[in-house]
Amino acid sequence: MGMHARIDAAIEAAIATGQGRTAPARLSSALHYACTPGGARIRPTILMSVAMACGDDQPKLSDAAAAALELIHCASLVHDDLPCFDDADLRRGKPSVHRAFSQPLAVLAGDSLIIQSFGILAAAAPAAPDRALGLIEILSRQTGMPHGICAGQGWESESDIDLSAYHLSKTGALFIAATQMGAVAAGQEAEPWFELGARIGEAFQVADDLRDALCDEAELGKPAGQDDLHGRPNAVAQLGLNGAVSRLNDILSGAIASIPACPGEAQLAQMVRMYAEKLVPAEVLAKARA
């Protein structure tokens, strides 16, 4: 089974753990709706790529880690779209969960996915208990306070925002989780993989800022111009379009240089280059230069 098929199968199995014949039918449907279609599945793909580069000697644990990370990411999107945050009607080209199912069910769906993600890791623990505990610790740290995605959302309620801390928490946290969890699932130490995750996360945030400024709703599959609308700090406002493009190129070069020595180092470098092309397509870069 190929890597992407593995990821999709693991996510489907993870979603199914929250469903059942006696469970609330609409909430069960909301769980699946929130996670599918899955878009690029960038975070679990990075996690799996790192695990494979490091040997992937416990593939069931890698699968569980990839699914758990993606469920956390999908839960964060469900909550981000709520009226109390972004009030977004679209996500991945279809109505956001609260529009399709109601606000109460969207809150419950996001909460359920978060809880399921840790249950999935706990269920996989017998294969390698020490590694599973490490995975749970990394995912909890990069999800909650003081530096996880919850902190990233919290920065938007502050009057004085530390842009670096904001980006590291809001976007970088789950990319750091991806690289570190991939390494730990394969029996490696987490710390050497922090910088790669942080740099990929920063690149993704700068690229997202560029897309938000330059693309329309049809291209994004979600509302455009949200940074300006909500007064969020962003790289385009701080650096200008050309400055943001230059910053993105610098970050990606640093990301490749930061890859720790491992058997699959060359393949990981190629993965970073591939995602660099996907983050900001050539036509978007052309708009920036114009």
C-alpha atoms as a PDB file:
ATOM      1  CA  MET A   1       0.000   0.000   0.000  1.00  0.00           C
ATOM      2  CA  GLY A   2       1.368   3.413  -0.960  1.00  0.00           C
ATOM      3  CA  MET A   3       1.909   6.176   1.566  1.00  0.00           C
ATOM      4  CA  HIS A   4      -1.165   8.216   0.635  1.00  0.00           C
ATOM      5  CA  ALA A   5      -3.363   5.126   0.654  1.00  0.00           C
ATOM      6  CA  ARG A   6      -1.995   4.274   4.100  1.00  0.00           C
ATOM      7  CA  ILE A   7      -2.815   7.745   5.372  1.00  0.00           C
ATOM      8  CA  ASP A   8      -6.346   7.716   3.962  1.00  0.00           C
ATOM      9  CA  ALA A   9      -7.044   4.246   5.370  1.00  0.00           C
ATOM     10  CA  ALA A  10      -5.723   5.243   8.806  1.00  0.00           C
ATOM     11  CA  ILE A  11      -7.865   8.403   8.870  1.00  0.00           C
ATOM     12  CA  GLU A  12     -11.009   6.530   7.797  1.00  0.00           C
ATOM     13  CA  ALA A  13     -10.403   3.948  10.523  1.00  0.00           C
ATOM     14  CA  ALA A  14      -9.823   6.714  13.068  1.00  0.00           C
ATOM     15  CA  ILE A  15     -13.069   8.480  12.148  1.00  0.00           C
ATOM     16  CA  ALA A  16     -14.942   5.195  12.452  1.00  0.00           C
ATOM     17  CA  THR A  17     -13.897   4.888  16.100  1.00  0.00           C
ATOM     18  CA  GLY A  18     -16.192   7.838  16.845  1.00  0.00           C
ATOM     19  CA  GLN A  19     -19.169   6.386  15.007  1.00  0.00           C
ATOM     20  CA  GLY A  20     -21.558   3.574  15.806  1.00  0.00           C
ATOM     21  CA  ARG A  21     -25.108   2.368  15.339  1.00  0.00           C
ATOM     22  CA  THR A  22     -26.202   3.741  18.709  1.00  0.00           C
ATOM     23  CA  ALA A  23     -24.285   7.030  18.398  1.00  0.00           C
ATOM     24  CA  PRO A  24     -26.025  10.325  17.458  1.00  0.00           C
ATOM     25  CA  ALA A  25     -26.395  10.064  13.697  1.00  0.00           C
ATOM     26  CA  ARG A  26     -25.897  13.727  12.786  1.00  0.00           C
ATOM     27  CA  LEU A  27     -22.821  14.126  14.966  1.00  0.00           C
ATOM     28  CA  SER A  28     -21.397  10.905  13.510  1.00  0.00           C
ATOM     29  CA  SER A  29     -21.910  12.335  10.025  1.00  0.00           C
ATOM     30  CA  ALA A  30     -20.317  15.627  11.054  1.00  0.00           C
ATOM     31  CA  LEU A  31     -17.120  13.820  12.070  1.00  0.00           C
ATOM     32  CA  HIS A  32     -16.725  12.342   8.600  1.00  0.00           C
ATOM     33  CA  TYR A  33     -17.789  15.574   6.897  1.00  0.00           C
ATOM     34  CA  ALA A  34     -15.151  17.537   8.834  1.00  0.00           C
ATOM     35  CA  CYS A  35     -12.321  15.288   7.669  1.00  0.00           C
ATOM     36  CA  THR A  36     -13.302  14.575   4.066  1.00  0.00           C
ATOM     37  CA  PRO A  37     -12.393  15.309   1.387  1.00  0.00           C
ATOM     38  CA  GLY A  38      -8.966  15.633   2.885  1.00  0.00           C
ATOM     39  CA  GLY A  39      -7.241  18.176   0.718  1.00  0.00           C
ATOM     40  CA  ALA A  40      -3.492  17.668   0.475  1.00  0.00           C
ATOM     41  CA  ARG A  41      -3.117  15.936   3.870  1.00  0.00           C
ATOM     42  CA  ILE A  42       0.161  17.833   4.146  1.00  0.00           C
ATOM     43  CA  ARG A  43       0.796  17.261   7.868  1.00  0.00           C
ATOM     44  CA  PRO A  44       0.307  13.478   7.915  1.00  0.00           C
ATOM     45  CA  THR A  45       2.277  13.210   4.672  1.00  0.00           C
ATOM     46  CA  ILE A  46       5.227  15.014   6.269  1.00  0.00           C
ATOM     47  CA  LEU A  47       4.910  12.824   9.365  1.00  0.00           C
ATOM     48  CA  MET A  48       4.873   9.636   7.297  1.00  0.00           C
ATOM     49  CA  SER A  49       7.737  10.853   5.093  1.00  0.00           C
ATOM     50  CA  VAL A  50       9.909  11.458   8.165  1.00  0.00           C
ATOM     51  CA  ALA A  51       8.975   8.073   9.645  1.00  0.00           C
ATOM     52  CA  MET A  52       9.878   6.319   6.390  1.00  0.00           C
ATOM     53  CA  ALA A  53      13.121   8.277   6.114  1.00  0.00           C
ATOM     54  CA  CYS A  54      14.001   7.029   9.606  1.00  0.00           C
ATOM     55  CA  GLY A  55      13.169   3.370   8.928  1.00  0.00           C
ATOM     56  CA  ASP A  56       9.425   3.117   9.757  1.00  0.00           C
ATOM     57  CA  ASP A  57       9.939  -0.053  11.809  1.00  0.00           C
ATOM     58  CA  GLN A  58       6.524   0.316  13.530  1.00  0.00           C
ATOM     59  CA  PRO A  59       4.183   1.129  10.617  1.00  0.00           C
ATOM     60  CA  LYS A  60       0.990   0.717  12.669  1.00  0.00           C
ATOM     61  CA  LEU A  61       2.270   3.316  15.105  1.00  0.00           C
ATOM     62  CA  SER A  62       3.176   5.658  12.229  1.00  0.00           C
ATOM     63  CA  ASP A  63      -0.323   5.188  10.800  1.00  0.00           C
ATOM     64  CA  ALA A  64      -1.904   6.009  14.162  1.00  0.00           C
ATOM     65  CA  ALA A  65       0.292   9.086  14.550  1.00  0.00           C
ATOM     66  CA  ALA A  66      -0.594  10.346  11.070  1.00  0.00           C
ATOM     67  CA  ALA A  67      -4.319   9.865  11.675  1.00  0.00           C
ATOM     68  CA  ALA A  68      -4.191  11.495  15.110  1.00  0.00           C
ATOM     69  CA  LEU A  69      -2.392  14.546  13.745  1.00  0.00           C
ATOM     70  CA  GLU A  70      -4.850  14.971  10.885  1.00  0.00           C
ATOM     71  CA  LEU A  71      -7.853  14.692  13.213  1.00  0.00           C
ATOM     72  CA  ILE A  72      -6.400  17.465  15.373  1.00  0.00           C
ATOM     73  CA  HIS A  73      -5.877  19.609  12.280  1.00  0.00           C
ATOM     74  CA  CYS A  74      -9.430  19.000  11.038  1.00  0.00           C
ATOM     75  CA  ALA A  75     -10.825  19.793  14.492  1.00  0.00           C
ATOM     76  CA  SER A  76      -8.951  23.103  14.474  1.00  0.00           C
ATOM     77  CA  LEU A  77     -10.492  24.004  11.103  1.00  0.00           C
ATOM     78  CA  VAL A  78     -13.996  23.238  12.377  1.00  0.00           C
ATOM     79  CA  HIS A  79     -13.444  25.542  15.356  1.00  0.00           C
ATOM     80  CA  ASP A  80     -11.652  28.242  13.324  1.00  0.00           C
ATOM     81  CA  ASP A  81     -14.651  28.549  11.008  1.00  0.00           C
ATOM     82  CA  LEU A  82     -17.152  29.188  13.825  1.00  0.00           C
ATOM     83  CA  PRO A  83     -18.843  32.616  14.022  1.00  0.00           C
ATOM     84  CA  CYS A  84     -16.926  33.444  17.210  1.00  0.00           C
ATOM     85  CA  PHE A  85     -13.641  33.160  15.263  1.00  0.00           C
ATOM     86  CA  ASP A  86     -13.488  33.504  11.460  1.00  0.00           C
ATOM     87  CA  ASP A  87     -17.231  33.131  10.748  1.00  0.00           C
ATOM     88  CA  ALA A  88     -16.364  31.317   7.516  1.00  0.00           C
ATOM     89  CA  ASP A  89     -19.090  29.817   5.342  1.00  0.00           C
ATOM     90  CA  LEU A  90     -16.775  27.667   3.216  1.00  0.00           C
ATOM     91  CA  ARG A  91     -14.020  25.161   3.878  1.00  0.00           C
ATOM     92  CA  ARG A  92     -12.368  23.035   1.173  1.00  0.00           C
ATOM     93  CA  GLY A  93     -14.947  24.220  -1.328  1.00  0.00           C
ATOM     94  CA  LYS A  94     -18.034  23.132   0.615  1.00  0.00           C
ATOM     95  CA  PRO A  95     -20.096  24.612   3.472  1.00  0.00           C
ATOM     96  CA  SER A  96     -18.206  24.723   6.746  1.00  0.00           C
ATOM     97  CA  VAL A  97     -19.343  22.273   9.418  1.00  0.00           C
ATOM     98  CA  HIS A  98     -21.381  24.783  11.400  1.00  0.00           C
ATOM     99  CA  ARG A  99     -23.203  25.804   8.212  1.00  0.00           C
ATOM    100  CA  ALA A 100     -23.921  22.208   7.234  1.00  0.00           C
ATOM    101  CA  PHE A 101     -24.782  20.818  10.684  1.00  0.00           C
ATOM    102  CA  SER A 102     -25.315  23.774  13.120  1.00  0.00           C
ATOM    103  CA  GLN A 103     -22.995  25.536  15.558  1.00  0.00           C
ATOM    104  CA  PRO A 104     -23.605  23.148  18.496  1.00  0.00           C
ATOM    105  CA  LEU A 105     -22.756  20.111  16.385  1.00  0.00           C
ATOM    106  CA  ALA A 106     -19.667  21.847  14.975  1.00  0.00           C
ATOM    107  CA  VAL A 107     -18.368  22.495  18.496  1.00  0.00           C
ATOM    108  CA  LEU A 108     -19.077  18.888  19.475  1.00  0.00           C
ATOM    109  CA  ALA A 109     -17.510  17.526  16.271  1.00  0.00           C
ATOM    110  CA  GLY A 110     -14.305  19.486  16.854  1.00  0.00           C
ATOM    111  CA  ASP A 111     -14.158  18.422  20.488  1.00  0.00           C
ATOM    112  CA  SER A 112     -14.808  14.786  19.566  1.00  0.00           C
ATOM    113  CA  LEU A 113     -12.037  14.741  16.955  1.00  0.00           C
ATOM    114  CA  ILE A 114      -9.536  16.151  19.454  1.00  0.00           C
ATOM    115  CA  ILE A 115     -10.414  13.490  22.019  1.00  0.00           C
ATOM    116  CA  GLN A 116     -10.357  10.730  19.395  1.00  0.00           C
ATOM    117  CA  SER A 117      -6.867  11.691  18.273  1.00  0.00           C
ATOM    118  CA  PHE A 118      -5.420  10.887  21.679  1.00  0.00           C
ATOM    119  CA  GLY A 119      -7.518   7.731  21.956  1.00  0.00           C
ATOM    120  CA  ILE A 120      -6.056   6.512  18.670  1.00  0.00           C
ATOM    121  CA  LEU A 121      -2.510   6.942  19.992  1.00  0.00           C
ATOM    122  CA  ALA A 122      -3.415   5.228  23.254  1.00  0.00           C
ATOM    123  CA  ALA A 123      -4.889   2.277  21.350  1.00  0.00           C
ATOM    124  CA  ALA A 124      -1.651   1.916  19.370  1.00  0.00           C
ATOM    125  CA  ALA A 125       0.531   2.047  22.493  1.00  0.00           C
ATOM    126  CA  PRO A 126       0.961  -1.719  23.076  1.00  0.00           C
ATOM    127  CA  ALA A 127       3.159  -1.979  19.968  1.00  0.00           C
ATOM    128  CA  ALA A 128       5.736   0.452  21.401  1.00  0.00           C
ATOM    129  CA  PRO A 129       4.606   2.019  24.714  1.00  0.00           C
ATOM    130  CA  ASP A 130       7.523   4.433  25.142  1.00  0.00           C
ATOM    131  CA  ARG A 131       7.171   5.774  21.623  1.00  0.00           C
ATOM    132  CA  ALA A 132       3.386   6.130  21.988  1.00  0.00           C
ATOM    133  CA  LEU A 133       3.818   8.133  25.185  1.00  0.00           C
ATOM    134  CA  GLY A 134       6.241  10.395  23.335  1.00  0.00           C
ATOM    135  CA  LEU A 135       3.730  10.872  20.539  1.00  0.00           C
ATOM    136  CA  ILE A 136       0.976  11.797  23.000  1.00  0.00           C
ATOM    137  CA  GLU A 137       3.256  14.293  24.724  1.00  0.00           C
ATOM    138  CA  ILE A 138       4.291  15.963  21.448  1.00  0.00           C
ATOM    139  CA  LEU A 139       0.740  16.193  20.147  1.00  0.00           C
ATOM    140  CA  SER A 140      -0.609  17.623  23.400  1.00  0.00           C
ATOM    141  CA  ARG A 141       2.194  20.207  23.567  1.00  0.00           C
ATOM    142  CA  GLN A 142       1.674  21.352  19.980  1.00  0.00           C
ATOM    143  CA  THR A 143      -2.123  21.473  20.370  1.00  0.00           C
ATOM    144  CA  GLY A 144      -2.663  23.261  23.691  1.00  0.00           C
ATOM    145  CA  MET A 145      -1.107  26.048  25.722  1.00  0.00           C
ATOM    146  CA  PRO A 146       1.310  27.755  25.988  1.00  0.00           C
ATOM    147  CA  HIS A 147       2.759  27.229  22.488  1.00  0.00           C
ATOM    148  CA  GLY A 148       0.324  25.042  20.534  1.00  0.00           C
ATOM    149  CA  ILE A 149      -2.445  25.889  18.101  1.00  0.00           C
ATOM    150  CA  CYS A 150      -4.733  26.987  20.950  1.00  0.00           C
ATOM    151  CA  ALA A 151      -2.155  29.635  21.798  1.00  0.00           C
ATOM    152  CA  GLY A 152      -2.044  30.603  18.128  1.00  0.00           C
ATOM    153  CA  GLN A 153      -5.766  31.283  18.150  1.00  0.00           C
ATOM    154  CA  GLY A 154      -5.414  33.076  21.469  1.00  0.00           C
ATOM    155  CA  TRP A 155      -2.889  35.549  20.055  1.00  0.00           C
ATOM    156  CA  GLU A 156      -5.675  36.964  17.869  1.00  0.00           C
ATOM    157  CA  SER A 157      -7.390  38.268  21.016  1.00  0.00           C
ATOM    158  CA  GLU A 158      -4.293  40.178  22.181  1.00  0.00           C
ATOM    159  CA  SER A 159      -3.789  43.884  21.504  1.00  0.00           C
ATOM    160  CA  ASP A 160       0.004  43.500  21.269  1.00  0.00           C
ATOM    161  CA  ILE A 161       0.918  40.529  19.073  1.00  0.00           C
ATOM    162  CA  ASP A 162       4.307  38.844  18.839  1.00  0.00           C
ATOM    163  CA  LEU A 163       4.208  37.930  15.134  1.00  0.00           C
ATOM    164  CA  SER A 164       6.898  35.248  15.421  1.00  0.00           C
ATOM    165  CA  ALA A 165       5.216  33.565  18.387  1.00  0.00           C
ATOM    166  CA  TYR A 166       1.827  33.887  16.693  1.00  0.00           C
ATOM    167  CA  HIS A 167       2.999  32.156  13.504  1.00  0.00           C
ATOM    168  CA  LEU A 168       4.941  29.500  15.406  1.00  0.00           C
ATOM    169  CA  SER A 169       1.856  28.573  17.415  1.00  0.00           C
ATOM    170  CA  LYS A 170      -0.937  29.048  14.891  1.00  0.00           C
ATOM    171  CA  THR A 171       0.725  27.314  11.958  1.00  0.00           C
ATOM    172  CA  GLY A 172       4.148  26.009  12.939  1.00  0.00           C
ATOM    173  CA  ALA A 173       2.974  23.904  15.883  1.00  0.00           C
ATOM    174  CA  LEU A 174       1.361  21.106  13.888  1.00  0.00           C
ATOM    175  CA  PHE A 175       4.231  21.010  11.404  1.00  0.00           C
ATOM    176  CA  ILE A 176       6.643  20.637  14.320  1.00  0.00           C
ATOM    177  CA  ALA A 177       4.364  17.872  15.570  1.00  0.00           C
ATOM    178  CA  ALA A 178       4.509  16.257  12.121  1.00  0.00           C
ATOM    179  CA  THR A 179       8.303  16.073  11.900  1.00  0.00           C
ATOM    180  CA  GLN A 180       8.825  15.147  15.548  1.00  0.00           C
ATOM    181  CA  MET A 181       6.046  12.544  15.656  1.00  0.00           C
ATOM    182  CA  GLY A 182       7.334  10.930  12.462  1.00  0.00           C
ATOM    183  CA  ALA A 183      10.783  10.605  14.004  1.00  0.00           C
ATOM    184  CA  VAL A 184       9.504   9.305  17.348  1.00  0.00           C
ATOM    185  CA  ALA A 185       7.195   6.766  15.679  1.00  0.00           C
ATOM    186  CA  ALA A 186      10.313   5.346  14.008  1.00  0.00           C
ATOM    187  CA  GLY A 187      12.306   5.260  17.248  1.00  0.00           C
ATOM    188  CA  GLN A 188      14.313   8.484  16.812  1.00  0.00           C
ATOM    189  CA  GLU A 189      14.734  11.450  19.151  1.00  0.00           C
ATOM    190  CA  ALA A 190      12.273  14.304  18.663  1.00  0.00           C
ATOM    191  CA  GLU A 191      14.438  17.367  19.306  1.00  0.00           C
ATOM    192  CA  PRO A 192      16.638  17.289  16.140  1.00  0.00           C
ATOM    193  CA  TRP A 193      13.454  17.506  14.055  1.00  0.00           C
ATOM    194  CA  PHE A 194      12.087  20.676  15.650  1.00  0.00           C
ATOM    195  CA  GLU A 195      13.770  23.125  13.276  1.00  0.00           C
ATOM    196  CA  LEU A 196      12.593  21.382  10.112  1.00  0.00           C
ATOM    197  CA  GLY A 197       8.988  21.423  11.336  1.00  0.00           C
ATOM    198  CA  ALA A 198       9.211  25.049  12.431  1.00  0.00           C
ATOM    199  CA  ARG A 199      10.643  26.146   9.085  1.00  0.00           C
ATOM    200  CA  ILE A 200       8.051  24.228   7.066  1.00  0.00           C
ATOM    201  CA  GLY A 201       5.343  25.737   9.247  1.00  0.00           C
ATOM    202  CA  GLU A 202       6.672  29.258   8.756  1.00  0.00           C
ATOM    203  CA  ALA A 203       6.865  28.704   5.003  1.00  0.00           C
ATOM    204  CA  PHE A 204       3.283  27.455   4.985  1.00  0.00           C
ATOM    205  CA  GLN A 205       2.116  30.542   6.904  1.00  0.00           C
ATOM    206  CA  VAL A 206       3.884  32.991   4.581  1.00  0.00           C
ATOM    207  CA  ALA A 207       2.503  31.104   1.592  1.00  0.00           C
ATOM    208  CA  ASP A 208      -0.979  31.212   3.107  1.00  0.00           C
ATOM    209  CA  ASP A 209      -0.636  34.966   3.621  1.00  0.00           C
ATOM    210  CA  LEU A 210       0.305  35.354  -0.040  1.00  0.00           C
ATOM    211  CA  ARG A 211      -2.609  33.221  -1.231  1.00  0.00           C
ATOM    212  CA  ASP A 212      -5.021  35.102   1.033  1.00  0.00           C
ATOM    213  CA  ALA A 213      -3.886  38.400  -0.479  1.00  0.00           C
ATOM    214  CA  LEU A 214      -3.734  37.287  -4.112  1.00  0.00           C
ATOM    215  CA  CYS A 215      -6.323  34.545  -4.680  1.00  0.00           C
ATOM    216  CA  ASP A 216     -10.107  34.606  -4.773  1.00  0.00           C
ATOM    217  CA  GLU A 217     -12.603  32.395  -2.990  1.00  0.00           C
ATOM    218  CA  ALA A 218     -12.912  29.969  -5.901  1.00  0.00           C
ATOM    219  CA  GLU A 219      -9.147  29.409  -5.980  1.00  0.00           C
ATOM    220  CA  LEU A 220      -8.849  28.999  -2.211  1.00  0.00           C
ATOM    221  CA  GLY A 221     -11.964  26.937  -1.538  1.00  0.00           C
ATOM    222  CA  LYS A 222     -12.602  29.227   1.437  1.00  0.00           C
ATOM    223  CA  PRO A 223     -13.219  32.959   1.958  1.00  0.00           C
ATOM    224  CA  ALA A 224     -10.415  35.206   0.654  1.00  0.00           C
ATOM    225  CA  GLY A 225      -9.029  38.400   2.174  1.00  0.00           C
ATOM    226  CA  GLN A 226      -9.533  37.157   5.727  1.00  0.00           C
ATOM    227  CA  ASP A 227      -6.328  38.688   7.097  1.00  0.00           C
ATOM    228  CA  ASP A 228      -7.402  42.195   6.116  1.00  0.00           C
ATOM    229  CA  LEU A 229     -10.997  41.599   7.159  1.00  0.00           C
ATOM    230  CA  HIS A 230     -10.041  40.464  10.669  1.00  0.00           C
ATOM    231  CA  GLY A 231      -6.996  42.725  11.062  1.00  0.00           C
ATOM    232  CA  ARG A 232      -4.637  39.812  11.535  1.00  0.00           C
ATOM    233  CA  PRO A 233      -0.866  40.231  11.429  1.00  0.00           C
ATOM    234  CA  ASN A 234       0.560  38.696   8.277  1.00  0.00           C
ATOM    235  CA  ALA A 235       3.713  38.578   6.181  1.00  0.00           C
ATOM    236  CA  VAL A 236       2.278  40.522   3.233  1.00  0.00           C
ATOM    237  CA  ALA A 237       1.226  43.447   5.429  1.00  0.00           C
ATOM    238  CA  GLN A 238       4.597  43.421   7.189  1.00  0.00           C
ATOM    239  CA  LEU A 239       6.939  42.788   4.245  1.00  0.00           C
ATOM    240  CA  GLY A 240       4.960  43.618   1.089  1.00  0.00           C
ATOM    241  CA  LEU A 241       4.308  41.099  -1.677  1.00  0.00           C
ATOM    242  CA  ASN A 242       7.862  40.883  -3.005  1.00  0.00           C
ATOM    243  CA  GLY A 243       9.287  40.834   0.498  1.00  0.00           C
ATOM    244  CA  ALA A 244       6.991  37.975   1.441  1.00  0.00           C
ATOM    245  CA  VAL A 245       8.061  35.987  -1.632  1.00  0.00           C
ATOM    246  CA  SER A 246      11.735  36.546  -0.776  1.00  0.00           C
ATOM    247  CA  ARG A 247      11.093  35.512   2.813  1.00  0.00           C
ATOM    248  CA  LEU A 248       9.378  32.332   1.631  1.00  0.00           C
ATOM    249  CA  ASN A 249      12.363  31.378  -0.528  1.00  0.00           C
ATOM    250  CA  ASP A 250      14.774  31.970   2.366  1.00  0.00           C
ATOM    251  CA  ILE A 251      12.694  29.827   4.724  1.00  0.00           C
ATOM    252  CA  LEU A 252      12.503  26.920   2.291  1.00  0.00           C
ATOM    253  CA  SER A 253      16.266  26.978   1.715  1.00  0.00           C
ATOM    254  CA  GLY A 254      16.791  26.878   5.470  1.00  0.00           C
ATOM    255  CA  ALA A 255      14.310  24.015   5.819  1.00  0.00           C
ATOM    256  CA  ILE A 256      16.246  21.813   3.415  1.00  0.00           C
ATOM    257  CA  ALA A 257      19.506  22.638   5.173  1.00  0.00           C
ATOM    258  CA  SER A 258      18.014  21.732   8.560  1.00  0.00           C
ATOM    259  CA  ILE A 259      17.051  18.125   7.717  1.00  0.00           C
ATOM    260  CA  PRO A 260      18.797  15.849  10.231  1.00  0.00           C
ATOM    261  CA  ALA A 261      21.037  13.064   8.944  1.00  0.00           C
ATOM    262  CA  CYS A 262      18.925   9.976   8.242  1.00  0.00           C
ATOM    263  CA  PRO A 263      18.754   7.201   5.618  1.00  0.00           C
ATOM    264  CA  GLY A 264      16.056   9.062   3.662  1.00  0.00           C
ATOM    265  CA  GLU A 265      17.558  12.545   3.846  1.00  0.00           C
ATOM    266  CA  ALA A 266      17.636  13.063   0.063  1.00  0.00           C
ATOM    267  CA  GLN A 267      13.994  12.006  -0.291  1.00  0.00           C
ATOM    268  CA  LEU A 268      12.949  14.436   2.435  1.00  0.00           C
ATOM    269  CA  ALA A 269      14.755  17.273   0.678  1.00  0.00           C
ATOM    270  CA  GLN A 270      12.848  16.412  -2.480  1.00  0.00           C
ATOM    271  CA  MET A 271       9.574  16.400  -0.533  1.00  0.00           C
ATOM    272  CA  VAL A 272      10.267  19.927   0.772  1.00  0.00           C
ATOM    273  CA  ARG A 273      10.994  21.139  -2.765  1.00  0.00           C
ATOM    274  CA  MET A 274       7.813  19.503  -4.046  1.00  0.00           C
ATOM    275  CA  TYR A 275       5.672  21.154  -1.400  1.00  0.00           C
ATOM    276  CA  ALA A 276       7.365  24.490  -2.057  1.00  0.00           C
ATOM    277  CA  GLU A 277       5.944  24.377  -5.574  1.00  0.00           C
ATOM    278  CA  LYS A 278       2.489  23.459  -4.265  1.00  0.00           C
ATOM    279  CA  LEU A 279       2.417  26.079  -1.496  1.00  0.00           C
ATOM    280  CA  VAL A 280       2.450  29.014  -3.889  1.00  0.00           C
ATOM    281  CA  PRO A 281       1.785  27.982  -7.493  1.00  0.00           C
ATOM    282  CA  ALA A 282       3.660  29.763 -10.282  1.00  0.00           C
ATOM    283  CA  GLU A 283       0.596  31.790 -11.280  1.00  0.00           C
ATOM    284  CA  VAL A 284       0.287  33.172  -7.747  1.00  0.00           C
ATOM    285  CA  LEU A 285       3.978  34.138  -7.727  1.00  0.00           C
ATOM    286  CA  ALA A 286       3.417  35.873 -11.068  1.00  0.00           C
ATOM    287  CA  LYS A 287       0.626  37.940  -9.467  1.00  0.00           C
ATOM    288  CA  ALA A 288       2.975  38.917  -6.634  1.00  0.00           C
ATOM    289  CA  ARG A 289       5.701  40.039  -9.020  1.00  0.00           C
ATOM    290  CA  ALA A 290       3.173  42.024 -11.062  1.00  0.00           C
END
